[in-house]
Protein backbone atom coordinates (compact mmCIF):
# COMPACT_ATOMS: atom_id res chain seq x y z
CA GLY A 1 15.44 28.26 -15.03
CA LEU A 2 17.13 28.23 -18.40
CA ASP A 3 15.13 26.61 -21.19
CA GLU A 4 14.25 26.84 -25.04
CA PRO A 5 14.89 30.48 -25.18
CA SER A 6 18.49 29.90 -24.43
CA PHE A 7 18.75 28.00 -27.77
CA GLY A 8 18.51 31.13 -29.96
CA LEU A 9 21.25 32.86 -27.62
CA TRP A 10 23.73 29.87 -27.84
CA SER A 11 23.49 30.27 -31.59
CA ALA A 12 23.68 33.86 -31.80
CA LEU A 13 27.10 33.85 -29.80
CA ALA A 14 28.44 31.38 -31.70
CA LEU A 15 28.07 33.59 -34.64
CA HIS A 16 28.81 37.01 -33.14
CA GLY A 17 32.78 36.72 -33.01
CA ASP A 18 33.71 39.57 -35.18
CA ALA A 19 34.94 42.12 -32.52
CA GLU A 20 37.38 40.92 -29.88
CA ALA A 21 35.42 42.47 -27.13
CA ALA A 22 32.25 41.02 -28.41
CA GLN A 23 33.96 37.60 -28.79
CA ARG A 24 35.47 37.46 -25.27
CA ALA A 25 31.78 38.63 -23.96
CA ALA A 26 30.35 35.84 -26.03
CA LEU A 27 32.82 33.24 -24.50
CA THR A 28 31.84 34.55 -21.12
CA VAL A 29 28.27 34.08 -21.56
CA VAL A 30 28.65 30.49 -23.07
CA ALA A 31 30.47 29.52 -20.24
CA THR A 32 28.20 30.83 -17.86
CA LEU A 33 25.32 29.11 -19.59
CA LEU A 34 27.44 26.03 -19.49
CA ARG A 35 28.11 26.25 -15.74
CA LEU A 36 24.61 26.97 -15.13
CA GLY A 37 23.19 23.85 -16.85
CA ALA A 38 21.58 25.51 -19.78
CA PRO A 39 20.32 23.05 -22.33
CA LEU A 40 22.64 22.84 -25.21
CA PRO A 41 21.38 23.68 -28.68
CA PRO A 42 19.61 20.74 -29.82
CA ARG A 43 22.25 18.99 -31.99
CA GLY A 44 24.48 21.91 -31.80
CA GLY A 45 26.97 21.61 -29.10
CA VAL A 46 29.66 20.14 -31.53
CA GLY A 47 29.04 22.83 -34.01
CA LEU A 48 29.35 25.44 -31.31
CA ALA A 49 32.49 23.74 -29.95
CA ARG A 50 34.16 23.76 -33.29
CA VAL A 51 33.08 27.26 -33.85
CA ILE A 52 34.67 28.45 -30.68
CA ARG A 53 37.95 26.48 -31.25
CA ALA A 54 38.25 28.18 -34.75
CA THR A 55 37.59 31.54 -33.55
CA SER A 56 39.37 31.26 -30.25
CA PRO A 57 41.85 28.58 -30.85
CA ASP A 58 44.03 29.35 -27.54
CA GLU A 59 41.38 31.14 -24.94
CA GLY A 60 38.27 28.90 -26.35
CA LEU A 61 39.93 25.22 -25.99
CA GLU A 62 39.03 24.75 -22.59
CA LEU A 63 35.20 25.83 -23.22
CA SER A 64 35.19 23.99 -26.68
CA LEU A 65 36.33 20.90 -24.30
CA ALA A 66 33.72 21.55 -21.50
CA LEU A 67 31.03 21.84 -24.45
CA LEU A 68 32.16 18.57 -25.99
CA ARG A 69 31.76 16.79 -22.65
CA ALA A 70 28.55 18.08 -22.35
CA ALA A 71 27.47 17.24 -25.71
CA SER A 72 28.79 13.74 -25.36
CA SER A 73 26.75 13.43 -22.18
CA ALA A 74 23.93 14.10 -24.18
CA ARG A 75 24.81 11.56 -26.67
CA GLU A 76 24.96 14.17 -29.53
CA VAL A 77 25.98 12.41 -32.48
CA GLY A 78 29.84 12.79 -33.16
CA ALA A 79 30.50 14.57 -29.70
CA ALA A 80 32.33 11.85 -28.41
CA GLU A 81 34.73 11.77 -31.41
CA ALA A 82 34.97 15.29 -31.48
CA TYR A 83 36.15 15.28 -27.59
CA LEU A 84 38.54 12.65 -28.30
CA GLU A 85 40.25 14.82 -30.97
CA ALA A 86 40.09 18.02 -28.96
CA ALA A 87 41.57 16.19 -25.87
CA ARG A 88 44.30 15.13 -27.82
CA GLU A 89 44.92 18.26 -29.37
CA ARG A 90 45.14 19.88 -25.77
CA GLY A 91 47.68 17.31 -24.87
CA TRP A 92 49.95 17.88 -27.56
CA ARG A 93 49.71 21.81 -27.11
CA ALA A 94 50.67 21.36 -23.46
CA ALA A 95 53.45 18.99 -24.65
CA ALA A 96 54.65 21.73 -27.15
CA ALA A 97 54.72 24.46 -24.49
CA GLY A 98 56.50 22.27 -22.15
CA GLU A 99 53.96 21.53 -19.61
CA ARG A 100 54.42 17.99 -19.09
CA ASP A 101 51.93 17.26 -16.13
CA GLU A 102 49.23 18.76 -18.32
CA ALA A 103 50.19 17.10 -21.43
CA LEU A 104 49.99 13.73 -19.63
CA ARG A 105 46.59 14.52 -18.10
CA TRP A 106 44.95 15.30 -21.49
CA LEU A 107 46.75 12.70 -23.17
CA ARG A 108 45.50 10.43 -20.82
CA GLU A 109 42.18 11.66 -20.91
CA ALA A 110 42.06 11.03 -24.63
CA ARG A 111 43.02 7.55 -23.95
CA ARG A 112 40.23 6.95 -21.61
CA ALA A 113 37.62 8.93 -24.08
CA SER A 114 38.86 6.35 -26.65
CA THR A 115 38.23 3.30 -24.83
CA GLN A 116 34.68 4.44 -23.58
CA ARG A 117 33.23 4.96 -27.22
């Protein structure tokens, strides 16, 4: 199973985004760790999600949302608010791109998240 040694890996991946190929690989590894249920870095899910959104605003947005959902489920401080903000952003991006159904889905998700805080 994946346990404490993965904490360092999560952190290292968040900081190794300089080269485009390394960045794509890091996103793939983070997505795989998340899918496998690896524990998030202690109090670091929100920070990792923000790093991913900042360094990969397009391809990293969905992964960032998944990390924020996991951090929110783990009751990480600030995760619910960050998820709400990211879901709202995803909805407005979809609206700007003319993706009506996707926009409505994410804006409804943001509204749902806001009522559960």
